[in-house]
Amino acid sequence: MEVTTIGIDLAKSVFAVSFADARGAAALGKQLRRGQVLNFLRQQPPSVVGMEACGGAHH
């Protein structure tokens, strides 16, 4: 599957990441700790990234 869209649900310490291809078909998701997110995104192909934050994500 060629990932074109990455969705990230932001939280205080553990982020839920999901993936979709050009057709919008969802793929396997994963959880990342705050310190892992930037390195993870650097390894991904160019993609659209959407973020959603919960009420406590501003800490």
N, C-alpha and C. Protein backbone atom coordinates (compact mmCIF):
# COMPACT_ATOMS: atom_id res chain seq x y z
N MET A 1 0.84 -1.18 0.00
CA MET A 1 0.00 0.00 0.00
C MET A 1 0.88 1.24 0.00
N GLU A 2 0.58 2.18 -0.86
CA GLU A 2 1.31 3.44 -0.90
C GLU A 2 0.55 4.47 -0.06
N VAL A 3 1.14 4.86 1.04
CA VAL A 3 0.52 5.81 1.97
C VAL A 3 0.56 7.21 1.36
N THR A 4 -0.62 7.86 1.33
CA THR A 4 -0.68 9.25 0.85
C THR A 4 -1.19 10.19 1.93
N THR A 5 -1.85 9.64 2.95
CA THR A 5 -2.41 10.44 4.03
C THR A 5 -2.08 9.81 5.37
N ILE A 6 -1.64 10.64 6.31
CA ILE A 6 -1.33 10.19 7.66
C ILE A 6 -2.18 11.02 8.62
N GLY A 7 -2.91 10.35 9.48
CA GLY A 7 -3.72 11.03 10.50
C GLY A 7 -3.10 10.81 11.87
N ILE A 8 -3.00 11.88 12.65
CA ILE A 8 -2.41 11.78 13.98
C ILE A 8 -3.38 12.37 15.00
N ASP A 9 -3.73 11.57 15.99
CA ASP A 9 -4.55 12.03 17.10
C ASP A 9 -3.58 12.40 18.22
N LEU A 10 -3.41 13.69 18.45
CA LEU A 10 -2.45 14.18 19.43
C LEU A 10 -2.99 14.04 20.86
N ALA A 11 -2.12 13.69 21.77
CA ALA A 11 -2.45 13.58 23.18
C ALA A 11 -1.23 14.04 23.98
N LYS A 12 -1.26 13.88 25.28
CA LYS A 12 -0.13 14.33 26.10
C LYS A 12 1.13 13.53 25.84
N SER A 13 1.01 12.21 25.77
CA SER A 13 2.23 11.42 25.64
C SER A 13 2.18 10.33 24.58
N VAL A 14 1.02 9.75 24.29
CA VAL A 14 0.92 8.69 23.28
C VAL A 14 0.00 9.16 22.16
N PHE A 15 0.52 9.14 20.93
CA PHE A 15 -0.23 9.59 19.76
C PHE A 15 -0.70 8.38 18.96
N ALA A 16 -1.93 8.41 18.49
CA ALA A 16 -2.46 7.36 17.62
C ALA A 16 -2.26 7.81 16.18
N VAL A 17 -1.61 6.98 15.38
CA VAL A 17 -1.31 7.31 13.99
C VAL A 17 -2.06 6.33 13.09
N SER A 18 -2.73 6.86 12.06
CA SER A 18 -3.41 6.00 11.08
C SER A 18 -2.97 6.41 9.68
N PHE A 19 -3.16 5.50 8.74
CA PHE A 19 -2.68 5.70 7.38
C PHE A 19 -3.80 5.44 6.38
N ALA A 20 -3.74 6.09 5.23
CA ALA A 20 -4.69 5.83 4.14
C ALA A 20 -3.96 5.96 2.81
N ASP A 21 -4.46 5.22 1.81
CA ASP A 21 -3.88 5.32 0.48
C ASP A 21 -4.66 6.34 -0.35
N ALA A 22 -4.34 6.47 -1.62
CA ALA A 22 -4.96 7.48 -2.48
C ALA A 22 -6.46 7.26 -2.64
N ARG A 23 -6.94 6.03 -2.49
CA ARG A 23 -8.37 5.75 -2.58
C ARG A 23 -9.10 6.01 -1.27
N GLY A 24 -8.35 6.28 -0.22
CA GLY A 24 -8.94 6.50 1.10
C GLY A 24 -9.07 5.25 1.93
N ALA A 25 -8.54 4.14 1.43
CA ALA A 25 -8.59 2.89 2.17
C ALA A 25 -7.64 2.96 3.37
N ALA A 26 -8.16 2.66 4.54
CA ALA A 26 -7.35 2.73 5.76
C ALA A 26 -6.42 1.53 5.86
N ALA A 27 -5.28 1.76 6.48
CA ALA A 27 -4.30 0.70 6.70
C ALA A 27 -4.03 0.57 8.19
N LEU A 28 -3.15 -0.32 8.51
CA LEU A 28 -2.76 -0.57 9.89
C LEU A 28 -2.31 0.72 10.57
N GLY A 29 -2.75 0.95 11.78
CA GLY A 29 -2.34 2.11 12.55
C GLY A 29 -1.31 1.72 13.60
N LYS A 30 -0.80 2.72 14.30
CA LYS A 30 0.17 2.43 15.36
C LYS A 30 0.12 3.53 16.39
N GLN A 31 0.73 3.29 17.53
CA GLN A 31 0.83 4.29 18.59
C GLN A 31 2.29 4.69 18.75
N LEU A 32 2.51 5.98 18.92
CA LEU A 32 3.86 6.51 19.09
C LEU A 32 3.92 7.39 20.33
N ARG A 33 5.03 7.36 21.00
CA ARG A 33 5.27 8.30 22.10
C ARG A 33 5.70 9.63 21.51
N ARG A 34 5.55 10.67 22.28
CA ARG A 34 5.86 12.04 21.82
C ARG A 34 7.25 12.13 21.18
N GLY A 35 8.25 11.52 21.78
CA GLY A 35 9.62 11.59 21.28
C GLY A 35 9.86 10.81 20.00
N GLN A 36 8.94 9.95 19.60
CA GLN A 36 9.10 9.13 18.40
C GLN A 36 8.47 9.75 17.15
N VAL A 37 7.58 10.71 17.32
CA VAL A 37 6.77 11.21 16.20
C VAL A 37 7.62 11.85 15.10
N LEU A 38 8.50 12.76 15.43
CA LEU A 38 9.28 13.46 14.41
C LEU A 38 10.14 12.50 13.61
N ASN A 39 10.82 11.59 14.27
CA ASN A 39 11.65 10.62 13.56
C ASN A 39 10.79 9.72 12.66
N PHE A 40 9.63 9.32 13.13
CA PHE A 40 8.73 8.51 12.34
C PHE A 40 8.30 9.25 11.07
N LEU A 41 7.90 10.52 11.20
CA LEU A 41 7.45 11.29 10.04
C LEU A 41 8.58 11.52 9.04
N ARG A 42 9.79 11.65 9.51
CA ARG A 42 10.93 11.82 8.60
C ARG A 42 11.12 10.61 7.70
N GLN A 43 10.72 9.45 8.16
CA GLN A 43 10.91 8.21 7.41
C GLN A 43 9.78 7.91 6.43
N GLN A 44 8.70 8.70 6.46
CA GLN A 44 7.55 8.46 5.61
C GLN A 44 7.71 9.17 4.26
N PRO A 45 7.07 8.65 3.21
CA PRO A 45 7.08 9.34 1.93
C PRO A 45 6.29 10.64 2.05
N PRO A 46 6.46 11.57 1.12
CA PRO A 46 5.67 12.81 1.16
C PRO A 46 4.17 12.48 1.24
N SER A 47 3.50 13.05 2.22
CA SER A 47 2.10 12.73 2.49
C SER A 47 1.38 13.94 3.04
N VAL A 48 0.06 13.90 2.98
CA VAL A 48 -0.77 14.88 3.67
C VAL A 48 -0.88 14.40 5.11
N VAL A 49 -0.66 15.31 6.06
CA VAL A 49 -0.76 14.95 7.48
C VAL A 49 -1.87 15.77 8.11
N GLY A 50 -2.84 15.07 8.69
CA GLY A 50 -3.93 15.72 9.41
C GLY A 50 -3.78 15.43 10.89
N MET A 51 -4.05 16.44 11.73
CA MET A 51 -3.90 16.26 13.18
C MET A 51 -5.18 16.65 13.90
N GLU A 52 -5.49 15.89 14.92
CA GLU A 52 -6.62 16.17 15.78
C GLU A 52 -6.11 16.14 17.22
N ALA A 53 -6.47 17.12 18.00
CA ALA A 53 -5.98 17.20 19.37
C ALA A 53 -7.10 17.00 20.38
N CYS A 54 -6.81 16.26 21.43
CA CYS A 54 -7.76 16.13 22.51
C CYS A 54 -7.60 17.34 23.46
N GLY A 55 -8.46 17.44 24.44
CA GLY A 55 -8.44 18.59 25.34
C GLY A 55 -7.16 18.75 26.12
N GLY A 56 -6.42 17.68 26.39
CA GLY A 56 -5.20 17.77 27.17
C GLY A 56 -3.94 17.84 26.35
N ALA A 57 -4.05 17.93 25.03
CA ALA A 57 -2.88 17.89 24.16
C ALA A 57 -2.00 19.15 24.24
N HIS A 58 -2.50 20.20 24.84
CA HIS A 58 -1.73 21.46 24.88
C HIS A 58 -0.62 21.44 25.93
N HIS A 59 -0.52 20.43 26.76
CA HIS A 59 0.51 20.38 27.81
C HIS A 59 1.85 20.04 27.26
